[in-house]
Amino acid sequence: MTAQRTYLRHFVRATGTTPGKWLIAQRVQAALTVLETGDAPVEEIPIAAGLATPVTLLHPSPSAYRRTFRERRAG
């Protein structure tokens, strides 16, 4: 148990967050990158990134995020 607490303490010190929150942030970032640059169906992207559902990803919806991002890039 001591090793686990030591690891957690070092992880938080190095990243500023817990391992669970860090992992979720990495998964969300991966999903956003695919939304911004790819054409995969929005229903599949969060699941492929390890998130439970598209709703888990963000608000606004993944489709709205993709539209907004593409409009900014085109404009």
PDB file of N, CA and C in Angstrom:
ATOM      1  N   MET A   1       0.825  -1.201   0.000  1.00  0.00           N
ATOM      2  CA  MET A   1       0.000   0.000   0.000  1.00  0.00           C
ATOM      3  C   MET A   1       0.864   1.257   0.000  1.00  0.00           C
ATOM      4  N   THR A   2       1.996   1.216   0.666  1.00  0.00           N
ATOM      5  CA  THR A   2       2.870   2.384   0.721  1.00  0.00           C
ATOM      6  C   THR A   2       3.375   2.744  -0.665  1.00  0.00           C
ATOM      7  N   ALA A   3       3.736   1.738  -1.467  1.00  0.00           N
ATOM      8  CA  ALA A   3       4.218   2.007  -2.821  1.00  0.00           C
ATOM      9  C   ALA A   3       3.132   2.677  -3.662  1.00  0.00           C
ATOM     10  N   GLN A   4       1.906   2.248  -3.492  1.00  0.00           N
ATOM     11  CA  GLN A   4       0.809   2.848  -4.245  1.00  0.00           C
ATOM     12  C   GLN A   4       0.618   4.314  -3.851  1.00  0.00           C
ATOM     13  N   ARG A   5       0.662   4.607  -2.579  1.00  0.00           N
ATOM     14  CA  ARG A   5       0.519   6.007  -2.131  1.00  0.00           C
ATOM     15  C   ARG A   5       1.689   6.858  -2.616  1.00  0.00           C
ATOM     16  N   THR A   6       2.884   6.273  -2.595  1.00  0.00           N
ATOM     17  CA  THR A   6       4.064   7.000  -3.071  1.00  0.00           C
ATOM     18  C   THR A   6       3.932   7.303  -4.557  1.00  0.00           C
ATOM     19  N   TYR A   7       3.514   6.304  -5.322  1.00  0.00           N
ATOM     20  CA  TYR A   7       3.314   6.497  -6.764  1.00  0.00           C
ATOM     21  C   TYR A   7       2.285   7.595  -7.016  1.00  0.00           C
ATOM     22  N   LEU A   8       1.168   7.516  -6.315  1.00  0.00           N
ATOM     23  CA  LEU A   8       0.108   8.509  -6.488  1.00  0.00           C
ATOM     24  C   LEU A   8       0.618   9.905  -6.152  1.00  0.00           C
ATOM     25  N   ARG A   9       1.330  10.034  -5.072  1.00  0.00           N
ATOM     26  CA  ARG A   9       1.870  11.343  -4.678  1.00  0.00           C
ATOM     27  C   ARG A   9       2.810  11.893  -5.754  1.00  0.00           C
ATOM     28  N   HIS A  10       3.690  11.043  -6.277  1.00  0.00           N
ATOM     29  CA  HIS A  10       4.624  11.480  -7.329  1.00  0.00           C
ATOM     30  C   HIS A  10       3.884  11.813  -8.626  1.00  0.00           C
ATOM     31  N   PHE A  11       2.880  11.018  -8.952  1.00  0.00           N
ATOM     32  CA  PHE A  11       2.099  11.268 -10.159  1.00  0.00           C
ATOM     33  C   PHE A  11       1.409  12.625 -10.081  1.00  0.00           C
ATOM     34  N   VAL A  12       0.754  12.887  -8.969  1.00  0.00           N
ATOM     35  CA  VAL A  12       0.052  14.160  -8.783  1.00  0.00           C
ATOM     36  C   VAL A  12       1.052  15.318  -8.827  1.00  0.00           C
ATOM     37  N   ARG A  13       2.203  15.150  -8.217  1.00  0.00           N
ATOM     38  CA  ARG A  13       3.222  16.203  -8.230  1.00  0.00           C
ATOM     39  C   ARG A  13       3.711  16.478  -9.658  1.00  0.00           C
ATOM     40  N   ALA A  14       3.868  15.423 -10.441  1.00  0.00           N
ATOM     41  CA  ALA A  14       4.396  15.573 -11.802  1.00  0.00           C
ATOM     42  C   ALA A  14       3.356  16.098 -12.788  1.00  0.00           C
ATOM     43  N   THR A  15       2.085  15.708 -12.600  1.00  0.00           N
ATOM     44  CA  THR A  15       1.075  16.056 -13.597  1.00  0.00           C
ATOM     45  C   THR A  15       0.068  17.092 -13.118  1.00  0.00           C
ATOM     46  N   GLY A  16      -0.033  17.254 -11.806  1.00  0.00           N
ATOM     47  CA  GLY A  16      -1.003  18.194 -11.266  1.00  0.00           C
ATOM     48  C   GLY A  16      -2.404  17.622 -11.136  1.00  0.00           C
ATOM     49  N   THR A  17      -2.549  16.322 -11.366  1.00  0.00           N
ATOM     50  CA  THR A  17      -3.862  15.687 -11.303  1.00  0.00           C
ATOM     51  C   THR A  17      -3.713  14.220 -10.933  1.00  0.00           C
ATOM     52  N   THR A  18      -4.827  13.570 -10.693  1.00  0.00           N
ATOM     53  CA  THR A  18      -4.804  12.148 -10.356  1.00  0.00           C
ATOM     54  C   THR A  18      -4.684  11.313 -11.634  1.00  0.00           C
ATOM     55  N   PRO A  19      -4.272  10.056 -11.512  1.00  0.00           N
ATOM     56  CA  PRO A  19      -4.176   9.208 -12.702  1.00  0.00           C
ATOM     57  C   PRO A  19      -5.501   9.064 -13.446  1.00  0.00           C
ATOM     58  N   GLY A  20      -6.605   8.937 -12.739  1.00  0.00           N
ATOM     59  CA  GLY A  20      -7.907   8.805 -13.397  1.00  0.00           C
ATOM     60  C   GLY A  20      -8.285  10.037 -14.199  1.00  0.00           C
ATOM     61  N   LYS A  21      -8.107  11.204 -13.604  1.00  0.00           N
ATOM     62  CA  LYS A  21      -8.429  12.447 -14.314  1.00  0.00           C
ATOM     63  C   LYS A  21      -7.482  12.662 -15.486  1.00  0.00           C
ATOM     64  N   TRP A  22      -6.204  12.306 -15.315  1.00  0.00           N
ATOM     65  CA  TRP A  22      -5.232  12.443 -16.398  1.00  0.00           C
ATOM     66  C   TRP A  22      -5.630  11.568 -17.579  1.00  0.00           C
ATOM     67  N   LEU A  23      -6.027  10.320 -17.288  1.00  0.00           N
ATOM     68  CA  LEU A  23      -6.413   9.396 -18.347  1.00  0.00           C
ATOM     69  C   LEU A  23      -7.642   9.897 -19.102  1.00  0.00           C
ATOM     70  N   ILE A  24      -8.624  10.391 -18.391  1.00  0.00           N
ATOM     71  CA  ILE A  24      -9.818  10.934 -19.050  1.00  0.00           C
ATOM     72  C   ILE A  24      -9.438  12.113 -19.939  1.00  0.00           C
ATOM     73  N   ALA A  25      -8.582  13.000 -19.446  1.00  0.00           N
ATOM     74  CA  ALA A  25      -8.152  14.155 -20.249  1.00  0.00           C
ATOM     75  C   ALA A  25      -7.441  13.705 -21.520  1.00  0.00           C
ATOM     76  N   GLN A  26      -6.606  12.658 -21.431  1.00  0.00           N
ATOM     77  CA  GLN A  26      -5.911  12.142 -22.606  1.00  0.00           C
ATOM     78  C   GLN A  26      -6.896  11.564 -23.613  1.00  0.00           C
ATOM     79  N   ARG A  27      -7.907  10.852 -23.117  1.00  0.00           N
ATOM     80  CA  ARG A  27      -8.909  10.265 -24.000  1.00  0.00           C
ATOM     81  C   ARG A  27      -9.744  11.343 -24.677  1.00  0.00           C
ATOM     82  N   VAL A  28     -10.136  12.350 -23.931  1.00  0.00           N
ATOM     83  CA  VAL A  28     -10.908  13.458 -24.515  1.00  0.00           C
ATOM     84  C   VAL A  28     -10.077  14.163 -25.568  1.00  0.00           C
ATOM     85  N   GLN A  29      -8.801  14.435 -25.282  1.00  0.00           N
ATOM     86  CA  GLN A  29      -7.945  15.115 -26.257  1.00  0.00           C
ATOM     87  C   GLN A  29      -7.795  14.286 -27.528  1.00  0.00           C
ATOM     88  N   ALA A  30      -7.633  12.984 -27.391  1.00  0.00           N
ATOM     89  CA  ALA A  30      -7.530  12.114 -28.575  1.00  0.00           C
ATOM     90  C   ALA A  30      -8.814  12.174 -29.392  1.00  0.00           C
ATOM     91  N   ALA A  31      -9.947  12.136 -28.719  1.00  0.00           N
ATOM     92  CA  ALA A  31     -11.226  12.208 -29.425  1.00  0.00           C
ATOM     93  C   ALA A  31     -11.392  13.553 -30.121  1.00  0.00           C
ATOM     94  N   LEU A  32     -11.012  14.629 -29.459  1.00  0.00           N
ATOM     95  CA  LEU A  32     -11.135  15.959 -30.076  1.00  0.00           C
ATOM     96  C   LEU A  32     -10.248  16.084 -31.308  1.00  0.00           C
ATOM     97  N   THR A  33      -9.060  15.525 -31.242  1.00  0.00           N
ATOM     98  CA  THR A  33      -8.157  15.576 -32.400  1.00  0.00           C
ATOM     99  C   THR A  33      -8.784  14.875 -33.594  1.00  0.00           C
ATOM    100  N   VAL A  34      -9.411  13.731 -33.375  1.00  0.00           N
ATOM    101  CA  VAL A  34     -10.065  13.017 -34.474  1.00  0.00           C
ATOM    102  C   VAL A  34     -11.276  13.810 -34.963  1.00  0.00           C
ATOM    103  N   LEU A  35     -12.025  14.420 -34.066  1.00  0.00           N
ATOM    104  CA  LEU A  35     -13.161  15.253 -34.485  1.00  0.00           C
ATOM    105  C   LEU A  35     -12.689  16.414 -35.354  1.00  0.00           C
ATOM    106  N   GLU A  36     -11.557  17.005 -34.978  1.00  0.00           N
ATOM    107  CA  GLU A  36     -11.051  18.172 -35.699  1.00  0.00           C
ATOM    108  C   GLU A  36     -10.460  17.816 -37.055  1.00  0.00           C
ATOM    109  N   THR A  37      -9.876  16.645 -37.170  1.00  0.00           N
ATOM    110  CA  THR A  37      -9.108  16.340 -38.380  1.00  0.00           C
ATOM    111  C   THR A  37      -9.653  15.196 -39.208  1.00  0.00           C
ATOM    112  N   GLY A  38     -10.564  14.412 -38.663  1.00  0.00           N
ATOM    113  CA  GLY A  38     -11.028  13.224 -39.371  1.00  0.00           C
ATOM    114  C   GLY A  38     -12.480  13.309 -39.773  1.00  0.00           C
ATOM    115  N   ASP A  39     -12.928  12.260 -40.414  1.00  0.00           N
ATOM    116  CA  ASP A  39     -14.311  12.179 -40.873  1.00  0.00           C
ATOM    117  C   ASP A  39     -15.037  10.966 -40.306  1.00  0.00           C
ATOM    118  N   ALA A  40     -14.469  10.342 -39.287  1.00  0.00           N
ATOM    119  CA  ALA A  40     -15.121   9.187 -38.673  1.00  0.00           C
ATOM    120  C   ALA A  40     -16.471   9.608 -38.100  1.00  0.00           C
ATOM    121  N   PRO A  41     -17.439   8.726 -38.088  1.00  0.00           N
ATOM    122  CA  PRO A  41     -18.738   9.062 -37.499  1.00  0.00           C
ATOM    123  C   PRO A  41     -18.578   9.476 -36.035  1.00  0.00           C
ATOM    124  N   VAL A  42     -19.241  10.555 -35.652  1.00  0.00           N
ATOM    125  CA  VAL A  42     -19.070  11.084 -34.295  1.00  0.00           C
ATOM    126  C   VAL A  42     -19.490  10.083 -33.228  1.00  0.00           C
ATOM    127  N   GLU A  43     -20.353   9.162 -33.550  1.00  0.00           N
ATOM    128  CA  GLU A  43     -20.788   8.166 -32.575  1.00  0.00           C
ATOM    129  C   GLU A  43     -19.655   7.192 -32.240  1.00  0.00           C
ATOM    130  N   GLU A  44     -18.718   7.004 -33.158  1.00  0.00           N
ATOM    131  CA  GLU A  44     -17.645   6.033 -32.964  1.00  0.00           C
ATOM    132  C   GLU A  44     -16.407   6.618 -32.296  1.00  0.00           C
ATOM    133  N   ILE A  45     -16.188   7.905 -32.430  1.00  0.00           N
ATOM    134  CA  ILE A  45     -14.938   8.514 -31.970  1.00  0.00           C
ATOM    135  C   ILE A  45     -14.737   8.390 -30.460  1.00  0.00           C
ATOM    136  N   PRO A  46     -15.682   8.811 -29.634  1.00  0.00           N
ATOM    137  CA  PRO A  46     -15.438   8.701 -28.187  1.00  0.00           C
ATOM    138  C   PRO A  46     -15.246   7.257 -27.728  1.00  0.00           C
ATOM    139  N   ILE A  47     -15.997   6.346 -28.307  1.00  0.00           N
ATOM    140  CA  ILE A  47     -15.871   4.945 -27.925  1.00  0.00           C
ATOM    141  C   ILE A  47     -14.484   4.417 -28.303  1.00  0.00           C
ATOM    142  N   ALA A  48     -13.990   4.792 -29.488  1.00  0.00           N
ATOM    143  CA  ALA A  48     -12.653   4.380 -29.909  1.00  0.00           C
ATOM    144  C   ALA A  48     -11.578   4.979 -29.011  1.00  0.00           C
ATOM    145  N   ALA A  49     -11.844   6.145 -28.428  1.00  0.00           N
ATOM    146  CA  ALA A  49     -10.886   6.798 -27.533  1.00  0.00           C
ATOM    147  C   ALA A  49     -10.985   6.269 -26.104  1.00  0.00           C
ATOM    148  N   GLY A  50     -11.913   5.345 -25.871  1.00  0.00           N
ATOM    149  CA  GLY A  50     -12.029   4.750 -24.555  1.00  0.00           C
ATOM    150  C   GLY A  50     -13.065   5.391 -23.658  1.00  0.00           C
ATOM    151  N   LEU A  51     -13.887   6.263 -24.216  1.00  0.00           N
ATOM    152  CA  LEU A  51     -14.967   6.883 -23.451  1.00  0.00           C
ATOM    153  C   LEU A  51     -16.233   6.071 -23.660  1.00  0.00           C
ATOM    154  N   ALA A  52     -17.133   6.149 -22.726  1.00  0.00           N
ATOM    155  CA  ALA A  52     -18.323   5.284 -22.769  1.00  0.00           C
ATOM    156  C   ALA A  52     -19.263   5.621 -23.916  1.00  0.00           C
ATOM    157  N   THR A  53     -19.573   6.897 -24.109  1.00  0.00           N
ATOM    158  CA  THR A  53     -20.549   7.315 -25.120  1.00  0.00           C
ATOM    159  C   THR A  53     -20.167   8.676 -25.663  1.00  0.00           C
ATOM    160  N   PRO A  54     -20.725   9.075 -26.804  1.00  0.00           N
ATOM    161  CA  PRO A  54     -20.470  10.430 -27.305  1.00  0.00           C
ATOM    162  C   PRO A  54     -20.890  11.515 -26.317  1.00  0.00           C
ATOM    163  N   VAL A  55     -21.914  11.264 -25.520  1.00  0.00           N
ATOM    164  CA  VAL A  55     -22.365  12.257 -24.549  1.00  0.00           C
ATOM    165  C   VAL A  55     -21.287  12.514 -23.504  1.00  0.00           C
ATOM    166  N   THR A  56     -20.489  11.500 -23.198  1.00  0.00           N
ATOM    167  CA  THR A  56     -19.415  11.626 -22.226  1.00  0.00           C
ATOM    168  C   THR A  56     -18.388  12.645 -22.681  1.00  0.00           C
ATOM    169  N   LEU A  57     -18.251  12.808 -23.963  1.00  0.00           N
ATOM    170  CA  LEU A  57     -17.156  13.587 -24.534  1.00  0.00           C
ATOM    171  C   LEU A  57     -17.195  15.053 -24.159  1.00  0.00           C
ATOM    172  N   LEU A  58     -18.225  15.756 -24.506  1.00  0.00           N
ATOM    173  CA  LEU A  58     -18.243  17.182 -24.276  1.00  0.00           C
ATOM    174  C   LEU A  58     -19.618  17.763 -24.513  1.00  0.00           C
ATOM    175  N   HIS A  59     -19.746  18.964 -24.091  1.00  0.00           N
ATOM    176  CA  HIS A  59     -20.933  19.747 -24.402  1.00  0.00           C
ATOM    177  C   HIS A  59     -20.413  21.034 -25.005  1.00  0.00           C
ATOM    178  N   PRO A  60     -20.732  21.411 -26.197  1.00  0.00           N
ATOM    179  CA  PRO A  60     -21.802  20.914 -27.052  1.00  0.00           C
ATOM    180  C   PRO A  60     -21.518  19.507 -27.569  1.00  0.00           C
ATOM    181  N   SER A  61     -22.454  19.005 -28.319  1.00  0.00           N
ATOM    182  CA  SER A  61     -22.343  17.650 -28.846  1.00  0.00           C
ATOM    183  C   SER A  61     -21.117  17.513 -29.746  1.00  0.00           C
ATOM    184  N   PRO A  62     -20.641  16.289 -29.949  1.00  0.00           N
ATOM    185  CA  PRO A  62     -19.513  16.092 -30.851  1.00  0.00           C
ATOM    186  C   PRO A  62     -19.776  16.634 -32.259  1.00  0.00           C
ATOM    187  N   SER A  63     -20.991  16.482 -32.762  1.00  0.00           N
ATOM    188  CA  SER A  63     -21.308  17.017 -34.103  1.00  0.00           C
ATOM    189  C   SER A  63     -21.211  18.526 -34.132  1.00  0.00           C
ATOM    190  N   ALA A  64     -21.735  19.180 -33.118  1.00  0.00           N
ATOM    191  CA  ALA A  64     -21.666  20.647 -33.052  1.00  0.00           C
ATOM    192  C   ALA A  64     -20.224  21.112 -32.897  1.00  0.00           C
ATOM    193  N   TYR A  65     -19.434  20.403 -32.102  1.00  0.00           N
ATOM    194  CA  TYR A  65     -18.021  20.752 -31.944  1.00  0.00           C
ATOM    195  C   TYR A  65     -17.306  20.663 -33.287  1.00  0.00           C
ATOM    196  N   ARG A  66     -17.536  19.578 -34.019  1.00  0.00           N
ATOM    197  CA  ARG A  66     -16.882  19.395 -35.315  1.00  0.00           C
ATOM    198  C   ARG A  66     -17.267  20.522 -36.270  1.00  0.00           C
ATOM    199  N   ARG A  67     -18.554  20.866 -36.335  1.00  0.00           N
ATOM    200  CA  ARG A  67     -19.002  21.954 -37.216  1.00  0.00           C
ATOM    201  C   ARG A  67     -18.327  23.270 -36.843  1.00  0.00           C
ATOM    202  N   THR A  68     -18.311  23.582 -35.558  1.00  0.00           N
ATOM    203  CA  THR A  68     -17.707  24.834 -35.106  1.00  0.00           C
ATOM    204  C   THR A  68     -16.226  24.880 -35.440  1.00  0.00           C
ATOM    205  N   PHE A  69     -15.517  23.786 -35.176  1.00  0.00           N
ATOM    206  CA  PHE A  69     -14.095  23.749 -35.453  1.00  0.00           C
ATOM    207  C   PHE A  69     -13.816  23.913 -36.936  1.00  0.00           C
ATOM    208  N   ARG A  70     -14.584  23.249 -37.761  1.00  0.00           N
ATOM    209  CA  ARG A  70     -14.371  23.339 -39.210  1.00  0.00           C
ATOM    210  C   ARG A  70     -14.724  24.716 -39.744  1.00  0.00           C
ATOM    211  N   GLU A  71     -15.750  25.348 -39.182  1.00  0.00           N
ATOM    212  CA  GLU A  71     -16.114  26.709 -39.598  1.00  0.00           C
ATOM    213  C   GLU A  71     -14.988  27.674 -39.262  1.00  0.00           C
ATOM    214  N   ARG A  72     -14.394  27.549 -38.093  1.00  0.00           N
ATOM    215  CA  ARG A  72     -13.286  28.423 -37.697  1.00  0.00           C
ATOM    216  C   ARG A  72     -12.090  28.220 -38.608  1.00  0.00           C
ATOM    217  N   ARG A  73     -11.807  26.950 -38.922  1.00  0.00           N
ATOM    218  CA  ARG A  73     -10.646  26.645 -39.763  1.00  0.00           C
ATOM    219  C   ARG A  73     -10.862  27.145 -41.187  1.00  0.00           C
ATOM    220  N   ALA A  74     -12.106  27.071 -41.681  1.00  0.00           N
ATOM    221  CA  ALA A  74     -12.403  27.494 -43.056  1.00  0.00           C
ATOM    222  C   ALA A  74     -12.463  29.018 -43.166  1.00  0.00           C
ATOM    223  N   GLY A  75     -12.848  29.654 -42.089  1.00  0.00           N
ATOM    224  CA  GLY A  75     -13.071  31.107 -42.106  1.00  0.00           C
ATOM    225  C   GLY A  75     -11.867  31.864 -41.890  1.00  0.00           C
TER     226      GLY A  75
END
